[in-house]
PDB file of N, CA and C in Angstrom:
ATOM      1  N   MET A   1      28.901  15.755  66.121  1.00  0.00           N
ATOM      2  CA  MET A   1      28.288  15.074  65.506  1.00  0.00           C
ATOM      3  C   MET A   1      28.461  13.749  65.645  1.00  0.00           C
ATOM      4  N   ASP A   2      27.480  12.536  65.988  1.00  0.00           N
ATOM      5  CA  ASP A   2      27.696  11.444  65.982  1.00  0.00           C
ATOM      6  C   ASP A   2      28.334  10.363  64.480  1.00  0.00           C
ATOM      7  N   ASP A   3      29.017  10.140  64.459  1.00  0.00           N
ATOM      8  CA  ASP A   3      29.423   9.796  62.929  1.00  0.00           C
ATOM      9  C   ASP A   3      28.932   8.828  61.894  1.00  0.00           C
ATOM     10  N   ILE A   4      27.215   8.706  62.933  1.00  0.00           N
ATOM     11  CA  ILE A   4      26.259   7.597  62.702  1.00  0.00           C
ATOM     12  C   ILE A   4      25.796   8.003  60.777  1.00  0.00           C
ATOM     13  N   PHE A   5      26.130   9.303  61.236  1.00  0.00           N
ATOM     14  CA  PHE A   5      25.151  10.470  59.761  1.00  0.00           C
ATOM     15  C   PHE A   5      26.281   9.898  59.075  1.00  0.00           C
ATOM     16  N   ILE A   6      28.193   9.973  58.760  1.00  0.00           N
ATOM     17  CA  ILE A   6      28.807  10.046  57.520  1.00  0.00           C
ATOM     18  C   ILE A   6      28.232   9.928  56.898  1.00  0.00           C
ATOM     19  N   PRO A   7      28.191  10.313  55.348  1.00  0.00           N
ATOM     20  CA  PRO A   7      27.749  10.117  54.241  1.00  0.00           C
ATOM     21  C   PRO A   7      28.529   8.786  54.018  1.00  0.00           C
ATOM     22  N   LEU A   8      28.033   7.682  54.146  1.00  0.00           N
ATOM     23  CA  LEU A   8      28.889   6.343  53.672  1.00  0.00           C
ATOM     24  C   LEU A   8      28.311   5.660  52.144  1.00  0.00           C
ATOM     25  N   TRP A   9      26.666   6.173  52.231  1.00  0.00           N
ATOM     26  CA  TRP A   9      26.013   5.606  51.122  1.00  0.00           C
ATOM     27  C   TRP A   9      25.936   7.415  50.204  1.00  0.00           C
ATOM     28  N   PRO A  10      25.318   7.195  48.536  1.00  0.00           N
ATOM     29  CA  PRO A  10      25.362   8.321  47.701  1.00  0.00           C
ATOM     30  C   PRO A  10      25.575   9.680  48.470  1.00  0.00           C
ATOM     31  N   PRO A  11      26.352  10.065  48.750  1.00  0.00           N
ATOM     32  CA  PRO A  11      26.612  11.789  48.853  1.00  0.00           C
ATOM     33  C   PRO A  11      25.101  12.664  48.866  1.00  0.00           C
ATOM     34  N   ALA A  12      24.599  11.822  47.670  1.00  0.00           N
ATOM     35  CA  ALA A  12      23.263  13.330  47.562  1.00  0.00           C
ATOM     36  C   ALA A  12      22.678  13.499  48.312  1.00  0.00           C
ATOM     37  N   TRP A  13      22.468  12.223  49.404  1.00  0.00           N
ATOM     38  CA  TRP A  13      21.687  12.674  50.478  1.00  0.00           C
ATOM     39  C   TRP A  13      21.887  13.657  51.682  1.00  0.00           C
ATOM     40  N   VAL A  14      23.364  14.331  51.779  1.00  0.00           N
ATOM     41  CA  VAL A  14      23.800  15.104  52.010  1.00  0.00           C
ATOM     42  C   VAL A  14      24.167  16.238  51.758  1.00  0.00           C
ATOM     43  N   GLU A  15      24.536  16.030  50.510  1.00  0.00           N
ATOM     44  CA  GLU A  15      24.931  17.094  49.940  1.00  0.00           C
ATOM     45  C   GLU A  15      24.391  18.220  50.329  1.00  0.00           C
ATOM     46  N   ASP A  16      25.008  19.846  49.961  1.00  0.00           N
ATOM     47  CA  ASP A  16      24.226  20.921  49.694  1.00  0.00           C
ATOM     48  C   ASP A  16      23.287  20.222  51.465  1.00  0.00           C
ATOM     49  N   HIS A  17      23.321  20.308  52.047  1.00  0.00           N
ATOM     50  CA  HIS A  17      22.011  20.426  53.042  1.00  0.00           C
ATOM     51  C   HIS A  17      22.869  19.725  54.327  1.00  0.00           C
ATOM     52  N   THR A  18      21.553  20.568  55.627  1.00  0.00           N
ATOM     53  CA  THR A  18      22.864  20.222  57.428  1.00  0.00           C
ATOM     54  C   THR A  18      21.843  19.256  57.718  1.00  0.00           C
ATOM     55  N   LEU A  19      22.395  18.608  58.697  1.00  0.00           N
ATOM     56  CA  LEU A  19      22.102  18.279  59.491  1.00  0.00           C
ATOM     57  C   LEU A  19      21.426  18.361  61.203  1.00  0.00           C
ATOM     58  N   SER A  20      20.553  18.511  61.540  1.00  0.00           N
ATOM     59  CA  SER A  20      20.161  18.773  62.869  1.00  0.00           C
ATOM     60  C   SER A  20      19.221  17.971  63.654  1.00  0.00           C
ATOM     61  N   ASP A  21      18.692  18.504  64.972  1.00  0.00           N
ATOM     62  CA  ASP A  21      18.058  17.628  65.629  1.00  0.00           C
ATOM     63  C   ASP A  21      18.254  16.073  65.968  1.00  0.00           C
ATOM     64  N   GLU A  22      19.360  15.377  65.800  1.00  0.00           N
ATOM     65  CA  GLU A  22      19.983  14.137  65.757  1.00  0.00           C
ATOM     66  C   GLU A  22      19.784  13.642  67.535  1.00  0.00           C
ATOM     67  N   GLN A  23      19.016  12.109  67.463  1.00  0.00           N
ATOM     68  CA  GLN A  23      18.051  11.660  68.082  1.00  0.00           C
ATOM     69  C   GLN A  23      18.477  10.686  68.112  1.00  0.00           C
ATOM     70  N   LEU A  24      19.013   9.923  69.462  1.00  0.00           N
ATOM     71  CA  LEU A  24      18.895   8.357  69.421  1.00  0.00           C
ATOM     72  C   LEU A  24      17.777   7.828  69.996  1.00  0.00           C
ATOM     73  N   VAL A  25      17.139   7.434  68.542  1.00  0.00           N
ATOM     74  CA  VAL A  25      15.419   6.328  69.232  1.00  0.00           C
ATOM     75  C   VAL A  25      15.546   5.415  69.947  1.00  0.00           C
ATOM     76  N   ALA A  26      16.421   4.242  69.570  1.00  0.00           N
ATOM     77  CA  ALA A  26      16.535   2.828  70.775  1.00  0.00           C
ATOM     78  C   ALA A  26      18.161   2.459  70.336  1.00  0.00           C
ATOM     79  N   ALA A  27      18.204   1.940  71.495  1.00  0.00           N
ATOM     80  CA  ALA A  27      19.604   1.578  71.532  1.00  0.00           C
ATOM     81  C   ALA A  27      19.774  -0.061  72.100  1.00  0.00           C
ATOM     82  N   GLY A  28      20.297  -0.658  71.727  1.00  0.00           N
ATOM     83  CA  GLY A  28      20.821  -2.290  71.758  1.00  0.00           C
ATOM     84  C   GLY A  28      21.770  -2.735  72.723  1.00  0.00           C
ATOM     85  N   GLU A  29      22.295  -3.118  72.686  1.00  0.00           N
ATOM     86  CA  GLU A  29      23.589  -4.009  73.024  1.00  0.00           C
ATOM     87  C   GLU A  29      24.792  -3.466  71.917  1.00  0.00           C
ATOM     88  N   ASP A  30      24.346  -4.005  70.585  1.00  0.00           N
ATOM     89  CA  ASP A  30      25.391  -3.600  69.665  1.00  0.00           C
ATOM     90  C   ASP A  30      24.502  -3.315  68.165  1.00  0.00           C
ATOM     91  N   VAL A  31      23.060  -2.848  68.575  1.00  0.00           N
ATOM     92  CA  VAL A  31      22.934  -1.999  67.531  1.00  0.00           C
ATOM     93  C   VAL A  31      21.856  -0.852  68.125  1.00  0.00           C
ATOM     94  N   LYS A  32      22.393   0.132  67.009  1.00  0.00           N
ATOM     95  CA  LYS A  32      21.063   1.723  67.432  1.00  0.00           C
ATOM     96  C   LYS A  32      20.099   2.152  66.446  1.00  0.00           C
ATOM     97  N   LEU A  33      19.153   3.272  66.743  1.00  0.00           N
ATOM     98  CA  LEU A  33      18.448   3.606  65.531  1.00  0.00           C
ATOM     99  C   LEU A  33      18.548   5.379  66.326  1.00  0.00           C
ATOM    100  N   MET A  34      18.603   6.002  65.207  1.00  0.00           N
ATOM    101  CA  MET A  34      18.704   7.142  65.277  1.00  0.00           C
ATOM    102  C   MET A  34      17.888   7.947  64.111  1.00  0.00           C
ATOM    103  N   SER A  35      17.660   9.098  64.505  1.00  0.00           N
ATOM    104  CA  SER A  35      16.924  10.160  63.869  1.00  0.00           C
ATOM    105  C   SER A  35      18.121  11.470  63.326  1.00  0.00           C
ATOM    106  N   ALA A  36      17.684  12.165  62.405  1.00  0.00           N
ATOM    107  CA  ALA A  36      18.021  13.161  62.269  1.00  0.00           C
ATOM    108  C   ALA A  36      17.422  13.888  61.119  1.00  0.00           C
ATOM    109  N   LEU A  37      16.795  15.012  61.282  1.00  0.00           N
ATOM    110  CA  LEU A  37      15.744  16.326  60.580  1.00  0.00           C
ATOM    111  C   LEU A  37      17.246  16.849  58.905  1.00  0.00           C
ATOM    112  N   ARG A  38      16.608  16.672  58.362  1.00  0.00           N
ATOM    113  CA  ARG A  38      17.698  17.678  56.770  1.00  0.00           C
ATOM    114  C   ARG A  38      17.337  18.732  56.447  1.00  0.00           C
ATOM    115  N   SER A  39      18.001  19.392  56.856  1.00  0.00           N
ATOM    116  CA  SER A  39      17.704  21.089  56.269  1.00  0.00           C
ATOM    117  C   SER A  39      16.254  21.102  55.448  1.00  0.00           C
ATOM    118  N   ASP A  40      16.127  20.242  54.283  1.00  0.00           N
ATOM    119  CA  ASP A  40      14.981  20.665  54.014  1.00  0.00           C
ATOM    120  C   ASP A  40      13.727  19.493  54.307  1.00  0.00           C
ATOM    121  N   GLU A  41      13.977  19.714  55.455  1.00  0.00           N
ATOM    122  CA  GLU A  41      12.830  18.824  56.375  1.00  0.00           C
ATOM    123  C   GLU A  41      12.534  17.432  55.686  1.00  0.00           C
ATOM    124  N   ARG A  42      13.563  16.781  55.467  1.00  0.00           N
ATOM    125  CA  ARG A  42      13.566  15.198  55.089  1.00  0.00           C
ATOM    126  C   ARG A  42      14.014  14.636  56.298  1.00  0.00           C
ATOM    127  N   VAL A  43      13.298  13.608  57.114  1.00  0.00           N
ATOM    128  CA  VAL A  43      13.966  12.699  57.933  1.00  0.00           C
ATOM    129  C   VAL A  43      14.813  11.631  57.655  1.00  0.00           C
ATOM    130  N   LEU A  44      15.912  11.534  57.946  1.00  0.00           N
ATOM    131  CA  LEU A  44      16.676  10.383  57.935  1.00  0.00           C
ATOM    132  C   LEU A  44      16.946   9.049  59.034  1.00  0.00           C
ATOM    133  N   LEU A  45      16.920   8.130  59.069  1.00  0.00           N
ATOM    134  CA  LEU A  45      16.655   7.171  59.960  1.00  0.00           C
ATOM    135  C   LEU A  45      17.928   6.167  60.097  1.00  0.00           C
ATOM    136  N   SER A  46      18.161   6.123  60.618  1.00  0.00           N
ATOM    137  CA  SER A  46      19.922   5.143  60.740  1.00  0.00           C
ATOM    138  C   SER A  46      19.472   3.813  61.539  1.00  0.00           C
ATOM    139  N   VAL A  47      20.052   3.248  60.905  1.00  0.00           N
ATOM    140  CA  VAL A  47      19.950   1.794  62.075  1.00  0.00           C
ATOM    141  C   VAL A  47      22.046   0.955  61.922  1.00  0.00           C
ATOM    142  N   SER A  48      22.322   1.182  62.938  1.00  0.00           N
ATOM    143  CA  SER A  48      24.222   0.477  62.835  1.00  0.00           C
ATOM    144  C   SER A  48      24.001  -0.066  63.746  1.00  0.00           C
ATOM    145  N   TRP A  49      25.455  -0.975  63.086  1.00  0.00           N
ATOM    146  CA  TRP A  49      25.772  -2.362  64.349  1.00  0.00           C
ATOM    147  C   TRP A  49      27.443  -2.275  63.765  1.00  0.00           C
ATOM    148  N   PRO A  50      28.208  -2.887  64.750  1.00  0.00           N
ATOM    149  CA  PRO A  50      29.336  -2.662  64.651  1.00  0.00           C
ATOM    150  C   PRO A  50      29.460  -3.484  62.919  1.00  0.00           C
ATOM    151  N   GLY A  51      30.148  -2.624  61.404  1.00  0.00           N
ATOM    152  CA  GLY A  51      30.633  -3.232  60.550  1.00  0.00           C
ATOM    153  C   GLY A  51      29.582  -2.116  59.817  1.00  0.00           C
ATOM    154  N   GLY A  52      28.408  -2.299  60.309  1.00  0.00           N
ATOM    155  CA  GLY A  52      27.321  -1.916  58.914  1.00  0.00           C
ATOM    156  C   GLY A  52      26.336  -0.891  59.243  1.00  0.00           C
ATOM    157  N   ARG A  53      25.508  -0.062  58.343  1.00  0.00           N
ATOM    158  CA  ARG A  53      24.432   0.299  58.299  1.00  0.00           C
ATOM    159  C   ARG A  53      23.104   0.355  57.827  1.00  0.00           C
ATOM    160  N   ARG A  54      22.146   0.497  58.059  1.00  0.00           N
ATOM    161  CA  ARG A  54      21.281   0.330  56.933  1.00  0.00           C
ATOM    162  C   ARG A  54      20.432   2.298  57.758  1.00  0.00           C
ATOM    163  N   TYR A  55      20.084   2.988  55.906  1.00  0.00           N
ATOM    164  CA  TYR A  55      19.704   4.431  56.086  1.00  0.00           C
ATOM    165  C   TYR A  55      18.116   4.306  55.996  1.00  0.00           C
ATOM    166  N   LEU A  56      17.771   5.306  56.006  1.00  0.00           N
ATOM    167  CA  LEU A  56      16.068   4.870  55.281  1.00  0.00           C
ATOM    168  C   LEU A  56      15.715   7.468  54.964  1.00  0.00           C
ATOM    169  N   MET A  57      15.628   7.334  54.040  1.00  0.00           N
ATOM    170  CA  MET A  57      15.408   8.948  54.221  1.00  0.00           C
ATOM    171  C   MET A  57      13.965   8.912  53.661  1.00  0.00           C
ATOM    172  N   ILE A  58      12.717   9.730  54.732  1.00  0.00           N
ATOM    173  CA  ILE A  58      11.612   9.665  54.473  1.00  0.00           C
ATOM    174  C   ILE A  58      11.559  11.219  54.199  1.00  0.00           C
ATOM    175  N   ASP A  59       9.826  11.804  53.232  1.00  0.00           N
ATOM    176  CA  ASP A  59       9.971  12.937  53.405  1.00  0.00           C
ATOM    177  C   ASP A  59       8.522  12.794  54.193  1.00  0.00           C
ATOM    178  N   PRO A  60       8.213  13.938  55.328  1.00  0.00           N
ATOM    179  CA  PRO A  60       7.292  14.133  55.892  1.00  0.00           C
ATOM    180  C   PRO A  60       6.171  14.703  55.105  1.00  0.00           C
ATOM    181  N   HIS A  61       6.298  15.604  54.187  1.00  0.00           N
ATOM    182  CA  HIS A  61       5.179  15.610  53.745  1.00  0.00           C
ATOM    183  C   HIS A  61       4.567  14.846  52.111  1.00  0.00           C
ATOM    184  N   GLY A  62       5.374  13.906  52.374  1.00  0.00           N
ATOM    185  CA  GLY A  62       4.931  12.889  50.833  1.00  0.00           C
ATOM    186  C   GLY A  62       5.011  13.093  49.826  1.00  0.00           C
ATOM    187  N   ASP A  63       5.920  14.205  49.364  1.00  0.00           N
ATOM    188  CA  ASP A  63       6.134  14.781  48.230  1.00  0.00           C
ATOM    189  C   ASP A  63       6.782  13.918  47.668  1.00  0.00           C
ATOM    190  N   SER A  64       7.776  13.066  48.182  1.00  0.00           N
ATOM    191  CA  SER A  64       8.664  11.865  47.773  1.00  0.00           C
ATOM    192  C   SER A  64       8.976  10.697  48.400  1.00  0.00           C
ATOM    193  N   ALA A  65       8.696   9.214  47.152  1.00  0.00           N
ATOM    194  CA  ALA A  65       9.116   8.085  48.062  1.00  0.00           C
ATOM    195  C   ALA A  65      10.280   7.855  49.200  1.00  0.00           C
ATOM    196  N   PRO A  66       9.719   7.700  50.179  1.00  0.00           N
ATOM    197  CA  PRO A  66      11.144   7.090  51.010  1.00  0.00           C
ATOM    198  C   PRO A  66      12.177   6.502  50.230  1.00  0.00           C
ATOM    199  N   GLU A  67      13.410   6.096  50.732  1.00  0.00           N
ATOM    200  CA  GLU A  67      14.862   5.413  49.998  1.00  0.00           C
ATOM    201  C   GLU A  67      15.468   5.000  51.136  1.00  0.00           C
ATOM    202  N   ALA A  68      16.090   3.897  50.961  1.00  0.00           N
ATOM    203  CA  ALA A  68      16.941   3.103  51.568  1.00  0.00           C
ATOM    204  C   ALA A  68      17.998   2.222  51.130  1.00  0.00           C
ATOM    205  N   PHE A  69      19.006   2.470  52.320  1.00  0.00           N
ATOM    206  CA  PHE A  69      20.201   2.206  51.785  1.00  0.00           C
ATOM    207  C   PHE A  69      21.054   1.554  52.059  1.00  0.00           C
ATOM    208  N   ARG A  70      21.552   0.420  52.175  1.00  0.00           N
ATOM    209  CA  ARG A  70      22.437  -0.423  52.972  1.00  0.00           C
ATOM    210  C   ARG A  70      24.042  -0.254  53.208  1.00  0.00           C
ATOM    211  N   VAL A  71      24.868  -0.237  53.817  1.00  0.00           N
ATOM    212  CA  VAL A  71      26.058  -0.071  53.367  1.00  0.00           C
ATOM    213  C   VAL A  71      27.132  -1.137  54.589  1.00  0.00           C
ATOM    214  N   GLY A  72      28.466  -1.289  54.437  1.00  0.00           N
ATOM    215  CA  GLY A  72      28.776  -2.473  54.952  1.00  0.00           C
ATOM    216  C   GLY A  72      28.318  -3.622  55.410  1.00  0.00           C
ATOM    217  N   ALA A  73      29.050  -4.502  56.209  1.00  0.00           N
ATOM    218  CA  ALA A  73      28.752  -5.873  55.554  1.00  0.00           C
ATOM    219  C   ALA A  73      27.308  -6.377  56.468  1.00  0.00           C
ATOM    220  N   THR A  74      27.199  -7.563  56.230  1.00  0.00           N
ATOM    221  CA  THR A  74      25.139  -8.079  57.232  1.00  0.00           C
ATOM    222  C   THR A  74      26.427  -9.068  58.183  1.00  0.00           C
ATOM    223  N   SER A  75      25.794  -9.156  59.487  1.00  0.00           N
ATOM    224  CA  SER A  75      25.897  -9.528  60.764  1.00  0.00           C
ATOM    225  C   SER A  75      25.956 -11.011  60.458  1.00  0.00           C
ATOM    226  N   THR A  76      27.332 -12.424  60.231  1.00  0.00           N
ATOM    227  CA  THR A  76      27.229 -13.595  60.350  1.00  0.00           C
ATOM    228  C   THR A  76      26.579 -14.247  61.438  1.00  0.00           C
ATOM    229  N   ASP A  77      26.786 -13.287  62.680  1.00  0.00           N
ATOM    230  CA  ASP A  77      26.087 -13.897  63.941  1.00  0.00           C
ATOM    231  C   ASP A  77      24.525 -13.730  64.430  1.00  0.00           C
ATOM    232  N   PRO A  78      23.779 -15.368  63.952  1.00  0.00           N
ATOM    233  CA  PRO A  78      22.183 -14.989  64.286  1.00  0.00           C
ATOM    234  C   PRO A  78      21.705 -13.873  65.007  1.00  0.00           C
ATOM    235  N   ALA A  79      22.552 -13.960  66.330  1.00  0.00           N
ATOM    236  CA  ALA A  79      21.839 -12.859  67.346  1.00  0.00           C
ATOM    237  C   ALA A  79      21.946 -11.639  66.806  1.00  0.00           C
ATOM    238  N   LEU A  80      22.934 -11.020  66.441  1.00  0.00           N
ATOM    239  CA  LEU A  80      23.208  -9.725  65.865  1.00  0.00           C
ATOM    240  C   LEU A  80      22.255  -9.100  64.808  1.00  0.00           C
ATOM    241  N   ALA A  81      22.260 -10.916  63.793  1.00  0.00           N
ATOM    242  CA  ALA A  81      21.410 -10.640  62.622  1.00  0.00           C
ATOM    243  C   ALA A  81      19.469 -10.323  62.782  1.00  0.00           C
ATOM    244  N   ARG A  82      19.230 -10.500  63.276  1.00  0.00           N
ATOM    245  CA  ARG A  82      17.886 -10.317  64.644  1.00  0.00           C
ATOM    246  C   ARG A  82      17.841  -9.334  65.413  1.00  0.00           C
ATOM    247  N   SER A  83      18.690  -8.956  66.066  1.00  0.00           N
ATOM    248  CA  SER A  83      18.732  -7.807  66.434  1.00  0.00           C
ATOM    249  C   SER A  83      18.546  -6.247  65.505  1.00  0.00           C
ATOM    250  N   ILE A  84      19.393  -6.786  64.692  1.00  0.00           N
ATOM    251  CA  ILE A  84      19.085  -5.512  63.278  1.00  0.00           C
ATOM    252  C   ILE A  84      18.127  -5.744  62.915  1.00  0.00           C
ATOM    253  N   ASP A  85      17.520  -6.446  62.152  1.00  0.00           N
ATOM    254  CA  ASP A  85      16.003  -6.857  61.767  1.00  0.00           C
ATOM    255  C   ASP A  85      14.916  -6.836  62.748  1.00  0.00           C
ATOM    256  N   ALA A  86      14.864  -6.641  64.092  1.00  0.00           N
ATOM    257  CA  ALA A  86      14.144  -6.306  64.896  1.00  0.00           C
ATOM    258  C   ALA A  86      14.283  -4.574  65.104  1.00  0.00           C
ATOM    259  N   MET A  87      15.683  -4.002  64.803  1.00  0.00           N
ATOM    260  CA  MET A  87      15.552  -2.117  64.620  1.00  0.00           C
ATOM    261  C   MET A  87      15.271  -1.953  63.373  1.00  0.00           C
ATOM    262  N   TRP A  88      15.723  -2.440  62.557  1.00  0.00           N
ATOM    263  CA  TRP A  88      14.770  -2.026  61.028  1.00  0.00           C
ATOM    264  C   TRP A  88      13.555  -1.891  61.131  1.00  0.00           C
ATOM    265  N   SER A  89      12.635  -2.638  61.415  1.00  0.00           N
ATOM    266  CA  SER A  89      11.536  -2.451  61.692  1.00  0.00           C
ATOM    267  C   SER A  89      10.818  -2.148  62.540  1.00  0.00           C
ATOM    268  N   GLN A  90      11.975  -1.505  63.650  1.00  0.00           N
ATOM    269  CA  GLN A  90      10.930  -0.559  64.472  1.00  0.00           C
ATOM    270  C   GLN A  90      11.265   0.716  63.795  1.00  0.00           C
ATOM    271  N   ALA A  91      12.337   0.985  62.738  1.00  0.00           N
ATOM    272  CA  ALA A  91      12.893   2.395  62.025  1.00  0.00           C
ATOM    273  C   ALA A  91      11.931   2.159  61.527  1.00  0.00           C
ATOM    274  N   LEU A  92      10.989   1.107  60.660  1.00  0.00           N
ATOM    275  CA  LEU A  92      10.034   1.515  59.337  1.00  0.00           C
ATOM    276  C   LEU A  92       8.725   1.513  60.110  1.00  0.00           C
ATOM    277  N   LYS A  93       8.326   0.946  61.176  1.00  0.00           N
ATOM    278  CA  LYS A  93       7.375   1.425  62.155  1.00  0.00           C
ATOM    279  C   LYS A  93       7.148   3.036  62.299  1.00  0.00           C
ATOM    280  N   LEU A  94       8.956   3.512  62.996  1.00  0.00           N
ATOM    281  CA  LEU A  94       8.738   4.936  62.880  1.00  0.00           C
ATOM    282  C   LEU A  94       8.011   5.946  61.656  1.00  0.00           C
ATOM    283  N   ALA A  95       8.703   5.021  60.574  1.00  0.00           N
ATOM    284  CA  ALA A  95       8.439   5.665  59.369  1.00  0.00           C
ATOM    285  C   ALA A  95       7.451   6.233  58.911  1.00  0.00           C
ATOM    286  N   LYS A  96       6.201   5.064  59.196  1.00  0.00           N
ATOM    287  CA  LYS A  96       5.252   4.856  58.687  1.00  0.00           C
ATOM    288  C   LYS A  96       4.502   6.278  59.682  1.00  0.00           C
ATOM    289  N   GLN A  97       4.882   6.052  61.225  1.00  0.00           N
ATOM    290  CA  GLN A  97       3.830   6.885  61.791  1.00  0.00           C
ATOM    291  C   GLN A  97       4.478   8.276  61.233  1.00  0.00           C
ATOM    292  N   ILE A  98       5.553   8.691  61.271  1.00  0.00           N
ATOM    293  CA  ILE A  98       5.945  10.038  60.277  1.00  0.00           C
ATOM    294  C   ILE A  98       5.024  10.277  58.928  1.00  0.00           C
ATOM    295  N   LEU A  99       4.882   9.514  58.495  1.00  0.00           N
ATOM    296  CA  LEU A  99       4.361   9.620  57.148  1.00  0.00           C
ATOM    297  C   LEU A  99       2.785  10.029  57.571  1.00  0.00           C
ATOM    298  N   ASP A 100       2.423   9.262  58.685  1.00  0.00           N
ATOM    299  CA  ASP A 100       0.825   8.848  58.933  1.00  0.00           C
ATOM    300  C   ASP A 100       0.623  10.403  59.880  1.00  0.00           C
ATOM    301  N   GLY A 101       1.717  11.195  60.415  1.00  0.00           N
ATOM    302  CA  GLY A 101       1.396  12.287  61.465  1.00  0.00           C
ATOM    303  C   GLY A 101       0.998  11.907  62.739  1.00  0.00           C
ATOM    304  N   ASP A 102       1.392  10.330  62.624  1.00  0.00           N
ATOM    305  CA  ASP A 102       0.951   9.660  64.426  1.00  0.00           C
ATOM    306  C   ASP A 102       2.108   9.705  65.384  1.00  0.00           C
ATOM    307  N   LEU A 103       2.944  10.658  65.281  1.00  0.00           N
ATOM    308  CA  LEU A 103       3.685  10.716  66.055  1.00  0.00           C
ATOM    309  C   LEU A 103       3.314  11.316  67.843  1.00  0.00           C
ATOM    310  N   PRO A 104       3.438  10.277  69.110  1.00  0.00           N
ATOM    311  CA  PRO A 104       2.867  10.652  70.218  1.00  0.00           C
ATOM    312  C   PRO A 104       3.767  11.768  70.282  1.00  0.00           C
ATOM    313  N   SER A 105       3.114  12.506  71.134  1.00  0.00           N
ATOM    314  CA  SER A 105       3.814  14.104  71.982  1.00  0.00           C
ATOM    315  C   SER A 105       5.021  13.072  72.526  1.00  0.00           C
ATOM    316  N   ILE A 106       5.691  14.587  72.954  1.00  0.00           N
ATOM    317  CA  ILE A 106       7.250  14.013  73.632  1.00  0.00           C
ATOM    318  C   ILE A 106       6.808  13.796  75.078  1.00  0.00           C
ATOM    319  N   ASP A 107       5.650  14.355  75.843  1.00  0.00           N
ATOM    320  CA  ASP A 107       4.800  13.886  76.845  1.00  0.00           C
ATOM    321  C   ASP A 107       4.351  12.648  77.452  1.00  0.00           C
ATOM    322  N   GLU A 108       3.714  12.275  75.872  1.00  0.00           N
ATOM    323  CA  GLU A 108       3.182  11.215  76.003  1.00  0.00           C
ATOM    324  C   GLU A 108       4.016   9.639  76.373  1.00  0.00           C
ATOM    325  N   GLY A 109       4.977   9.450  76.053  1.00  0.00           N
ATOM    326  CA  GLY A 109       6.248   8.760  75.832  1.00  0.00           C
ATOM    327  C   GLY A 109       5.421   7.940  74.946  1.00  0.00           C
ATOM    328  N   PRO A 110       6.700   6.384  74.734  1.00  0.00           N
ATOM    329  CA  PRO A 110       6.680   5.341  73.996  1.00  0.00           C
ATOM    330  C   PRO A 110       4.803   4.516  74.307  1.00  0.00           C
ATOM    331  N   THR A 111       4.513   4.139  73.451  1.00  0.00           N
ATOM    332  CA  THR A 111       2.880   3.032  74.120  1.00  0.00           C
ATOM    333  C   THR A 111       3.478   1.630  75.106  1.00  0.00           C
ATOM    334  N   LYS A 112       2.886   1.638  75.534  1.00  0.00           N
ATOM    335  CA  LYS A 112       3.318  -0.251  76.475  1.00  0.00           C
ATOM    336  C   LYS A 112       2.872  -0.864  75.933  1.00  0.00           C
ATOM    337  N   ARG A 113       3.163  -1.821  75.449  1.00  0.00           N
ATOM    338  CA  ARG A 113       2.482  -3.129  74.964  1.00  0.00           C
ATOM    339  C   ARG A 113       1.994  -4.102  76.365  1.00  0.00           C
ATOM    340  N   ARG A 114       1.181  -4.867  76.096  1.00  0.00           N
ATOM    341  CA  ARG A 114       0.759  -5.765  76.816  1.00  0.00           C
ATOM    342  C   ARG A 114       1.870  -7.295  76.764  1.00  0.00           C
ATOM    343  N   ARG A 115       2.294  -7.247  77.729  1.00  0.00           N
ATOM    344  CA  ARG A 115       2.756  -8.708  77.704  1.00  0.00           C
ATOM    345  C   ARG A 115       1.446 -10.151  78.758  1.00  0.00           C
ATOM    346  N   TRP A 116       2.005 -10.995  78.120  1.00  0.00           N
ATOM    347  CA  TRP A 116       1.102 -11.811  77.778  1.00  0.00           C
ATOM    348  C   TRP A 116       1.991 -13.065  79.072  1.00  0.00           C
ATOM    349  N   ARG A 117       1.673 -12.870  80.050  1.00  0.00           N
ATOM    350  CA  ARG A 117       1.556 -13.759  81.698  1.00  0.00           C
ATOM    351  C   ARG A 117       1.212 -15.386  81.400  1.00  0.00           C
ATOM    352  N   ARG A 118       2.136 -16.310  81.494  1.00  0.00           N
ATOM    353  CA  ARG A 118       1.425 -17.387  81.865  1.00  0.00           C
ATOM    354  C   ARG A 118       1.161 -17.644  83.581  1.00  0.00           C
ATOM    355  N   ARG A 119      -0.099 -18.138  83.360  1.00  0.00           N
ATOM    356  CA  ARG A 119      -0.815 -18.305  84.824  1.00  0.00           C
ATOM    357  C   ARG A 119      -0.156 -20.113  84.919  1.00  0.00           C
ATOM    358  N   ASP A 120       0.154 -19.981  86.166  1.00  0.00           N
ATOM    359  CA  ASP A 120       0.233 -21.385  86.879  1.00  0.00           C
ATOM    360  C   ASP A 120      -1.318 -21.978  87.711  1.00  0.00           C
TER     361      ASP A 120
END
């Protein structure tokens, strides 16, 4: 198991539960977004960077409210802080998709964004 889900937050999140289906969702140079499924079917999302982590736990059935915690230090490097915020935004978007039941199938892959091009 990746140490990304070692309980650095209140242990009630993992106490008396097991984690499975761990996946690397996205990764940048120093920032990673991971997901895991808790034995009670709640989904854990984690954004990690050197020295800190943010966690989000959601119930895909909507029986309980999402919970979030941050542990460790915030980054003083502006570029890293922007990367962390961007990855956290991606985690929140993924959480909303899970709660809405709008996850793409594995065969679909991620949606492509249309890039604006400069015309000369």
